[in-house]
């Protein structure tokens, strides 16, 4: 799941698709943490998963706000349009 998100992030140029691919990578990490916690018979993996999900929620709110702000500036969601950021 993480690799699918990474490939999608590296190949796509749409900001919303890139954002969704980072969320997919977060979910892949969460599944991996739960699997390792289950394998080692402790709850540390589940505790870290809750932490990762909180970080993912904070990242989602910031990223969506940034996408809306960038779309209002240039009316495009293409990442190549934002390659050069000048003030």
PDB file of N, CA and C in Angstrom:
ATOM      1  N   UNK A   1       0.818  -1.179   0.000  1.00  0.00           N
ATOM      2  CA  UNK A   1       0.000   0.000   0.000  1.00  0.00           C
ATOM      3  C   UNK A   1       0.873   1.257   0.000  1.00  0.00           C
ATOM      4  N   UNK A   2       1.948   1.196   0.769  1.00  0.00           N
ATOM      5  CA  UNK A   2       2.864   2.329   0.812  1.00  0.00           C
ATOM      6  C   UNK A   2       3.508   2.560  -0.553  1.00  0.00           C
ATOM      7  N   UNK A   3       3.901   1.488  -1.205  1.00  0.00           N
ATOM      8  CA  UNK A   3       4.567   1.606  -2.503  1.00  0.00           C
ATOM      9  C   UNK A   3       3.602   2.137  -3.563  1.00  0.00           C
ATOM     10  N   UNK A   4       2.359   1.738  -3.517  1.00  0.00           N
ATOM     11  CA  UNK A   4       1.364   2.256  -4.461  1.00  0.00           C
ATOM     12  C   UNK A   4       1.208   3.764  -4.272  1.00  0.00           C
ATOM     13  N   UNK A   5       1.144   4.207  -3.022  1.00  0.00           N
ATOM     14  CA  UNK A   5       1.059   5.634  -2.745  1.00  0.00           C
ATOM     15  C   UNK A   5       2.300   6.379  -3.196  1.00  0.00           C
ATOM     16  N   UNK A   6       3.467   5.780  -2.996  1.00  0.00           N
ATOM     17  CA  UNK A   6       4.715   6.421  -3.411  1.00  0.00           C
ATOM     18  C   UNK A   6       4.802   6.545  -4.925  1.00  0.00           C
ATOM     19  N   UNK A   7       4.414   5.499  -5.633  1.00  0.00           N
ATOM     20  CA  UNK A   7       4.422   5.552  -7.095  1.00  0.00           C
ATOM     21  C   UNK A   7       3.432   6.597  -7.601  1.00  0.00           C
ATOM     22  N   UNK A   8       2.258   6.629  -6.998  1.00  0.00           N
ATOM     23  CA  UNK A   8       1.269   7.635  -7.390  1.00  0.00           C
ATOM     24  C   UNK A   8       1.744   9.047  -7.115  1.00  0.00           C
ATOM     25  N   UNK A   9       2.430   9.253  -5.998  1.00  0.00           N
ATOM     26  CA  UNK A   9       2.940  10.586  -5.664  1.00  0.00           C
ATOM     27  C   UNK A   9       4.023  11.020  -6.644  1.00  0.00           C
ATOM     28  N   UNK A  10       4.877  10.087  -7.048  1.00  0.00           N
ATOM     29  CA  UNK A  10       5.991  10.430  -7.928  1.00  0.00           C
ATOM     30  C   UNK A  10       5.554  10.622  -9.384  1.00  0.00           C
ATOM     31  N   UNK A  11       4.474   9.968  -9.806  1.00  0.00           N
ATOM     32  CA  UNK A  11       4.110  10.030 -11.222  1.00  0.00           C
ATOM     33  C   UNK A  11       3.033  11.055 -11.534  1.00  0.00           C
ATOM     34  N   UNK A  12       2.204  11.407 -10.587  1.00  0.00           N
ATOM     35  CA  UNK A  12       1.095  12.328 -10.863  1.00  0.00           C
ATOM     36  C   UNK A  12       1.505  13.771 -10.603  1.00  0.00           C
ATOM     37  N   UNK A  13       0.861  14.701 -11.288  1.00  0.00           N
ATOM     38  CA  UNK A  13       1.159  16.114 -11.134  1.00  0.00           C
ATOM     39  C   UNK A  13      -0.007  16.905 -10.558  1.00  0.00           C
ATOM     40  N   UNK A  14      -1.146  16.284 -10.339  1.00  0.00           N
ATOM     41  CA  UNK A  14      -2.293  16.961  -9.771  1.00  0.00           C
ATOM     42  C   UNK A  14      -2.124  17.021  -8.257  1.00  0.00           C
ATOM     43  N   UNK A  15      -2.333  18.185  -7.655  1.00  0.00           N
ATOM     44  CA  UNK A  15      -2.100  18.350  -6.224  1.00  0.00           C
ATOM     45  C   UNK A  15      -3.048  17.507  -5.377  1.00  0.00           C
ATOM     46  N   UNK A  16      -4.280  17.337  -5.803  1.00  0.00           N
ATOM     47  CA  UNK A  16      -5.220  16.537  -5.028  1.00  0.00           C
ATOM     48  C   UNK A  16      -4.830  15.063  -5.077  1.00  0.00           C
ATOM     49  N   UNK A  17      -4.410  14.583  -6.230  1.00  0.00           N
ATOM     50  CA  UNK A  17      -3.977  13.190  -6.337  1.00  0.00           C
ATOM     51  C   UNK A  17      -2.713  12.973  -5.512  1.00  0.00           C
ATOM     52  N   UNK A  18      -1.809  13.939  -5.517  1.00  0.00           N
ATOM     53  CA  UNK A  18      -0.608  13.825  -4.699  1.00  0.00           C
ATOM     54  C   UNK A  18      -0.969  13.779  -3.218  1.00  0.00           C
ATOM     55  N   UNK A  19      -1.938  14.570  -2.809  1.00  0.00           N
ATOM     56  CA  UNK A  19      -2.399  14.571  -1.429  1.00  0.00           C
ATOM     57  C   UNK A  19      -3.008  13.218  -1.064  1.00  0.00           C
ATOM     58  N   UNK A  20      -3.827  12.662  -1.936  1.00  0.00           N
ATOM     59  CA  UNK A  20      -4.433  11.358  -1.669  1.00  0.00           C
ATOM     60  C   UNK A  20      -3.382  10.253  -1.614  1.00  0.00           C
ATOM     61  N   UNK A  21      -2.341  10.379  -2.411  1.00  0.00           N
ATOM     62  CA  UNK A  21      -1.274   9.379  -2.375  1.00  0.00           C
ATOM     63  C   UNK A  21      -0.485   9.448  -1.068  1.00  0.00           C
ATOM     64  N   UNK A  22      -0.308  10.642  -0.502  1.00  0.00           N
ATOM     65  CA  UNK A  22       0.355  10.721   0.806  1.00  0.00           C
ATOM     66  C   UNK A  22      -0.523  10.098   1.882  1.00  0.00           C
ATOM     67  N   UNK A  23      -1.830  10.271   1.775  1.00  0.00           N
ATOM     68  CA  UNK A  23      -2.730   9.620   2.727  1.00  0.00           C
ATOM     69  C   UNK A  23      -2.659   8.101   2.577  1.00  0.00           C
ATOM     70  N   UNK A  24      -2.527   7.625   1.356  1.00  0.00           N
ATOM     71  CA  UNK A  24      -2.388   6.192   1.128  1.00  0.00           C
ATOM     72  C   UNK A  24      -1.092   5.666   1.752  1.00  0.00           C
ATOM     73  N   UNK A  25      -0.026   6.457   1.672  1.00  0.00           N
ATOM     74  CA  UNK A  25       1.227   6.058   2.309  1.00  0.00           C
ATOM     75  C   UNK A  25       1.084   6.015   3.827  1.00  0.00           C
ATOM     76  N   UNK A  26       0.377   6.978   4.413  1.00  0.00           N
ATOM     77  CA  UNK A  26       0.138   6.957   5.856  1.00  0.00           C
ATOM     78  C   UNK A  26      -0.633   5.704   6.259  1.00  0.00           C
ATOM     79  N   UNK A  27      -1.633   5.329   5.479  1.00  0.00           N
ATOM     80  CA  UNK A  27      -2.419   4.142   5.809  1.00  0.00           C
ATOM     81  C   UNK A  27      -1.589   2.869   5.675  1.00  0.00           C
ATOM     82  N   UNK A  28      -0.683   2.847   4.704  1.00  0.00           N
ATOM     83  CA  UNK A  28       0.219   1.707   4.569  1.00  0.00           C
ATOM     84  C   UNK A  28       1.132   1.561   5.777  1.00  0.00           C
ATOM     85  N   UNK A  29       1.617   2.681   6.284  1.00  0.00           N
ATOM     86  CA  UNK A  29       2.449   2.651   7.490  1.00  0.00           C
ATOM     87  C   UNK A  29       1.632   2.185   8.687  1.00  0.00           C
ATOM     88  N   UNK A  30       0.387   2.637   8.794  1.00  0.00           N
ATOM     89  CA  UNK A  30      -0.468   2.234   9.912  1.00  0.00           C
ATOM     90  C   UNK A  30      -0.719   0.723   9.895  1.00  0.00           C
ATOM     91  N   UNK A  31      -0.986   0.173   8.731  1.00  0.00           N
ATOM     92  CA  UNK A  31      -1.196  -1.282   8.631  1.00  0.00           C
ATOM     93  C   UNK A  31       0.080  -2.024   9.004  1.00  0.00           C
ATOM     94  N   UNK A  32       1.216  -1.504   8.582  1.00  0.00           N
ATOM     95  CA  UNK A  32       2.495  -2.132   8.908  1.00  0.00           C
ATOM     96  C   UNK A  32       2.751  -2.104  10.412  1.00  0.00           C
ATOM     97  N   UNK A  33       2.449  -0.997  11.074  1.00  0.00           N
ATOM     98  CA  UNK A  33       2.649  -0.911  12.516  1.00  0.00           C
ATOM     99  C   UNK A  33       1.752  -1.885  13.273  1.00  0.00           C
ATOM    100  N   UNK A  34       0.503  -1.998  12.837  1.00  0.00           N
ATOM    101  CA  UNK A  34      -0.408  -2.940  13.489  1.00  0.00           C
ATOM    102  C   UNK A  34       0.064  -4.382  13.285  1.00  0.00           C
ATOM    103  N   UNK A  35       0.540  -4.703  12.088  1.00  0.00           N
ATOM    104  CA  UNK A  35       1.009  -6.063  11.808  1.00  0.00           C
ATOM    105  C   UNK A  35       2.235  -6.409  12.647  1.00  0.00           C
ATOM    106  N   UNK A  36       3.176  -5.480  12.769  1.00  0.00           N
ATOM    107  CA  UNK A  36       4.361  -5.755  13.586  1.00  0.00           C
ATOM    108  C   UNK A  36       4.001  -5.860  15.068  1.00  0.00           C
ATOM    109  N   UNK A  37       3.060  -5.028  15.524  1.00  0.00           N
ATOM    110  CA  UNK A  37       2.615  -5.135  16.913  1.00  0.00           C
ATOM    111  C   UNK A  37       1.941  -6.463  17.193  1.00  0.00           C
ATOM    112  N   UNK A  38       1.151  -6.933  16.253  1.00  0.00           N
ATOM    113  CA  UNK A  38       0.480  -8.222  16.415  1.00  0.00           C
ATOM    114  C   UNK A  38       1.490  -9.366  16.385  1.00  0.00           C
ATOM    115  N   UNK A  39       2.487  -9.257  15.530  1.00  0.00           N
ATOM    116  CA  UNK A  39       3.499 -10.301  15.422  1.00  0.00           C
ATOM    117  C   UNK A  39       4.313 -10.426  16.714  1.00  0.00           C
ATOM    118  N   UNK A  40       4.628  -9.285  17.334  1.00  0.00           N
ATOM    119  CA  UNK A  40       5.434  -9.294  18.554  1.00  0.00           C
ATOM    120  C   UNK A  40       4.593  -9.353  19.832  1.00  0.00           C
ATOM    121  N   UNK A  41       3.279  -9.477  19.694  1.00  0.00           N
ATOM    122  CA  UNK A  41       2.358  -9.626  20.808  1.00  0.00           C
ATOM    123  C   UNK A  41       2.444  -8.475  21.824  1.00  0.00           C
ATOM    124  N   UNK A  42       2.502  -7.227  21.323  1.00  0.00           N
ATOM    125  CA  UNK A  42       2.423  -6.075  22.217  1.00  0.00           C
ATOM    126  C   UNK A  42       1.533  -5.008  21.587  1.00  0.00           C
ATOM    127  N   UNK A  43       1.162  -4.034  22.386  1.00  0.00           N
ATOM    128  CA  UNK A  43       0.236  -3.007  21.920  1.00  0.00           C
ATOM    129  C   UNK A  43       0.948  -1.743  21.432  1.00  0.00           C
ATOM    130  N   UNK A  44       2.249  -1.767  21.350  1.00  0.00           N
ATOM    131  CA  UNK A  44       2.990  -0.576  20.927  1.00  0.00           C
ATOM    132  C   UNK A  44       2.652  -0.217  19.475  1.00  0.00           C
ATOM    133  N   UNK A  45       2.448  -1.206  18.630  1.00  0.00           N
ATOM    134  CA  UNK A  45       2.103  -0.938  17.233  1.00  0.00           C
ATOM    135  C   UNK A  45       0.774  -0.225  17.105  1.00  0.00           C
ATOM    136  N   UNK A  46      -0.194  -0.617  17.920  1.00  0.00           N
ATOM    137  CA  UNK A  46      -1.495   0.042  17.882  1.00  0.00           C
ATOM    138  C   UNK A  46      -1.413   1.455  18.436  1.00  0.00           C
ATOM    139  N   UNK A  47      -0.591   1.660  19.455  1.00  0.00           N
ATOM    140  CA  UNK A  47      -0.415   3.006  20.009  1.00  0.00           C
ATOM    141  C   UNK A  47       0.245   3.926  18.982  1.00  0.00           C
ATOM    142  N   UNK A  48       1.242   3.426  18.289  1.00  0.00           N
ATOM    143  CA  UNK A  48       1.881   4.230  17.246  1.00  0.00           C
ATOM    144  C   UNK A  48       0.921   4.496  16.089  1.00  0.00           C
ATOM    145  N   UNK A  49       0.037   3.551  15.808  1.00  0.00           N
ATOM    146  CA  UNK A  49      -0.940   3.742  14.739  1.00  0.00           C
ATOM    147  C   UNK A  49      -1.890   4.883  15.064  1.00  0.00           C
ATOM    148  N   UNK A  50      -2.327   4.968  16.320  1.00  0.00           N
ATOM    149  CA  UNK A  50      -3.185   6.085  16.717  1.00  0.00           C
ATOM    150  C   UNK A  50      -2.434   7.401  16.527  1.00  0.00           C
ATOM    151  N   UNK A  51      -1.159   7.423  16.878  1.00  0.00           N
ATOM    152  CA  UNK A  51      -0.338   8.619  16.680  1.00  0.00           C
ATOM    153  C   UNK A  51      -0.221   8.975  15.201  1.00  0.00           C
ATOM    154  N   UNK A  52       0.003   7.983  14.346  1.00  0.00           N
ATOM    155  CA  UNK A  52       0.113   8.223  12.902  1.00  0.00           C
ATOM    156  C   UNK A  52      -1.200   8.746  12.346  1.00  0.00           C
ATOM    157  N   UNK A  53      -2.323   8.220  12.817  1.00  0.00           N
ATOM    158  CA  UNK A  53      -3.621   8.694  12.338  1.00  0.00           C
ATOM    159  C   UNK A  53      -3.890  10.133  12.763  1.00  0.00           C
ATOM    160  N   UNK A  54      -3.436  10.516  13.954  1.00  0.00           N
ATOM    161  CA  UNK A  54      -3.585  11.908  14.391  1.00  0.00           C
ATOM    162  C   UNK A  54      -2.738  12.819  13.516  1.00  0.00           C
ATOM    163  N   UNK A  55      -1.526  12.407  13.215  1.00  0.00           N
ATOM    164  CA  UNK A  55      -0.658  13.191  12.333  1.00  0.00           C
ATOM    165  C   UNK A  55      -1.272  13.286  10.938  1.00  0.00           C
ATOM    166  N   UNK A  56      -1.849  12.194  10.442  1.00  0.00           N
ATOM    167  CA  UNK A  56      -2.478  12.196   9.120  1.00  0.00           C
ATOM    168  C   UNK A  56      -3.674  13.139   9.083  1.00  0.00           C
ATOM    169  N   UNK A  57      -4.443  13.211  10.157  1.00  0.00           N
ATOM    170  CA  UNK A  57      -5.588  14.119  10.197  1.00  0.00           C
ATOM    171  C   UNK A  57      -5.132  15.578  10.184  1.00  0.00           C
ATOM    172  N   UNK A  58      -4.078  15.877  10.931  1.00  0.00           N
ATOM    173  CA  UNK A  58      -3.539  17.237  10.928  1.00  0.00           C
ATOM    174  C   UNK A  58      -2.968  17.593   9.554  1.00  0.00           C
ATOM    175  N   UNK A  59      -2.290  16.642   8.937  1.00  0.00           N
ATOM    176  CA  UNK A  59      -1.733  16.875   7.600  1.00  0.00           C
ATOM    177  C   UNK A  59      -2.839  17.077   6.576  1.00  0.00           C
ATOM    178  N   UNK A  60      -3.932  16.355   6.727  1.00  0.00           N
ATOM    179  CA  UNK A  60      -5.042  16.477   5.786  1.00  0.00           C
ATOM    180  C   UNK A  60      -5.661  17.861   5.853  1.00  0.00           C
ATOM    181  N   UNK A  61      -5.860  18.373   7.048  1.00  0.00           N
ATOM    182  CA  UNK A  61      -6.462  19.705   7.166  1.00  0.00           C
ATOM    183  C   UNK A  61      -5.541  20.780   6.612  1.00  0.00           C
ATOM    184  N   UNK A  62      -4.255  20.690   6.888  1.00  0.00           N
ATOM    185  CA  UNK A  62      -3.311  21.680   6.350  1.00  0.00           C
ATOM    186  C   UNK A  62      -3.173  21.566   4.834  1.00  0.00           C
ATOM    187  N   UNK A  63      -3.106  20.352   4.317  1.00  0.00           N
ATOM    188  CA  UNK A  63      -2.928  20.172   2.881  1.00  0.00           C
ATOM    189  C   UNK A  63      -4.148  20.634   2.099  1.00  0.00           C
ATOM    190  N   UNK A  64      -5.337  20.349   2.585  1.00  0.00           N
ATOM    191  CA  UNK A  64      -6.533  20.790   1.875  1.00  0.00           C
ATOM    192  C   UNK A  64      -6.658  22.310   1.891  1.00  0.00           C
ATOM    193  N   UNK A  65      -6.302  22.930   3.002  1.00  0.00           N
ATOM    194  CA  UNK A  65      -6.290  24.394   3.052  1.00  0.00           C
ATOM    195  C   UNK A  65      -5.277  24.979   2.079  1.00  0.00           C
ATOM    196  N   UNK A  66      -4.116  24.345   1.984  1.00  0.00           N
ATOM    197  CA  UNK A  66      -3.090  24.810   1.050  1.00  0.00           C
ATOM    198  C   UNK A  66      -3.523  24.617  -0.394  1.00  0.00           C
ATOM    199  N   UNK A  67      -4.171  23.507  -0.704  1.00  0.00           N
ATOM    200  CA  UNK A  67      -4.654  23.258  -2.065  1.00  0.00           C
ATOM    201  C   UNK A  67      -5.684  24.310  -2.461  1.00  0.00           C
ATOM    202  N   UNK A  68      -6.595  24.632  -1.556  1.00  0.00           N
ATOM    203  CA  UNK A  68      -7.607  25.652  -1.850  1.00  0.00           C
ATOM    204  C   UNK A  68      -6.940  27.006  -2.076  1.00  0.00           C
ATOM    205  N   UNK A  69      -5.973  27.352  -1.242  1.00  0.00           N
ATOM    206  CA  UNK A  69      -5.262  28.626  -1.395  1.00  0.00           C
ATOM    207  C   UNK A  69      -4.514  28.689  -2.725  1.00  0.00           C
ATOM    208  N   UNK A  70      -3.838  27.612  -3.089  1.00  0.00           N
ATOM    209  CA  UNK A  70      -3.088  27.601  -4.343  1.00  0.00           C
ATOM    210  C   UNK A  70      -4.019  27.637  -5.548  1.00  0.00           C
ATOM    211  N   UNK A  71      -5.162  26.972  -5.453  1.00  0.00           N
ATOM    212  CA  UNK A  71      -6.111  26.988  -6.557  1.00  0.00           C
ATOM    213  C   UNK A  71      -6.678  28.387  -6.761  1.00  0.00           C
ATOM    214  N   UNK A  72      -6.892  29.114  -5.705  1.00  0.00           N
ATOM    215  CA  UNK A  72      -7.414  30.481  -5.834  1.00  0.00           C
ATOM    216  C   UNK A  72      -6.392  31.411  -6.468  1.00  0.00           C
ATOM    217  N   UNK A  73      -5.113  31.115  -6.325  1.00  0.00           N
ATOM    218  CA  UNK A  73      -4.065  31.968  -6.882  1.00  0.00           C
ATOM    219  C   UNK A  73      -3.948  31.829  -8.400  1.00  0.00           C
ATOM    220  N   UNK A  74      -3.868  30.584  -8.901  1.00  0.00           N
ATOM    221  CA  UNK A  74      -3.598  30.358 -10.331  1.00  0.00           C
ATOM    222  C   UNK A  74      -4.685  29.594 -11.067  1.00  0.00           C
ATOM    223  N   UNK A  75      -5.739  29.173 -10.402  1.00  0.00           N
ATOM    224  CA  UNK A  75      -6.836  28.413 -11.016  1.00  0.00           C
ATOM    225  C   UNK A  75      -6.372  27.127 -11.682  1.00  0.00           C
ATOM    226  N   UNK A  76      -5.350  26.507 -11.135  1.00  0.00           N
ATOM    227  CA  UNK A  76      -4.888  25.210 -11.625  1.00  0.00           C
ATOM    228  C   UNK A  76      -4.377  24.394 -10.447  1.00  0.00           C
ATOM    229  N   UNK A  77      -4.474  23.085 -10.583  1.00  0.00           N
ATOM    230  CA  UNK A  77      -3.955  22.198  -9.557  1.00  0.00           C
ATOM    231  C   UNK A  77      -2.749  21.412 -10.055  1.00  0.00           C
ATOM    232  N   UNK A  78      -2.153  21.865 -11.149  1.00  0.00           N
ATOM    233  CA  UNK A  78      -0.979  21.212 -11.698  1.00  0.00           C
ATOM    234  C   UNK A  78       0.244  21.604 -10.876  1.00  0.00           C
ATOM    235  N   UNK A  79       1.005  20.615 -10.424  1.00  0.00           N
ATOM    236  CA  UNK A  79       2.168  20.886  -9.576  1.00  0.00           C
ATOM    237  C   UNK A  79       3.278  21.588 -10.351  1.00  0.00           C
ATOM    238  N   UNK A  80       3.332  21.394 -11.663  1.00  0.00           N
ATOM    239  CA  UNK A  80       4.369  22.070 -12.464  1.00  0.00           C
ATOM    240  C   UNK A  80       4.169  23.569 -12.505  1.00  0.00           C
ATOM    241  N   UNK A  81       2.939  24.026 -12.349  1.00  0.00           N
ATOM    242  CA  UNK A  81       2.681  25.475 -12.333  1.00  0.00           C
ATOM    243  C   UNK A  81       3.249  26.123 -11.079  1.00  0.00           C
ATOM    244  N   UNK A  82       3.464  25.343 -10.043  1.00  0.00           N
ATOM    245  CA  UNK A  82       3.967  25.882  -8.779  1.00  0.00           C
ATOM    246  C   UNK A  82       5.433  25.510  -8.555  1.00  0.00           C
ATOM    247  N   UNK A  83       6.139  25.139  -9.605  1.00  0.00           N
ATOM    248  CA  UNK A  83       7.539  24.764  -9.457  1.00  0.00           C
ATOM    249  C   UNK A  83       8.380  25.945  -8.982  1.00  0.00           C
ATOM    250  N   UNK A  84       8.119  27.118  -9.513  1.00  0.00           N
ATOM    251  CA  UNK A  84       8.833  28.323  -9.080  1.00  0.00           C
ATOM    252  C   UNK A  84       7.902  29.153  -8.204  1.00  0.00           C
ATOM    253  N   UNK A  85       8.241  29.283  -6.945  1.00  0.00           N
ATOM    254  CA  UNK A  85       7.435  30.088  -6.051  1.00  0.00           C
ATOM    255  C   UNK A  85       8.142  31.421  -5.849  1.00  0.00           C
ATOM    256  N   UNK A  86       7.537  32.463  -6.354  1.00  0.00           N
ATOM    257  CA  UNK A  86       8.088  33.800  -6.190  1.00  0.00           C
ATOM    258  C   UNK A  86       7.090  34.639  -5.427  1.00  0.00           C
ATOM    259  N   UNK A  87       7.598  35.488  -4.555  1.00  0.00           N
ATOM    260  CA  UNK A  87       6.737  36.295  -3.711  1.00  0.00           C
ATOM    261  C   UNK A  87       6.174  37.500  -4.354  1.00  0.00           C
TER     262      UNK A  87
END
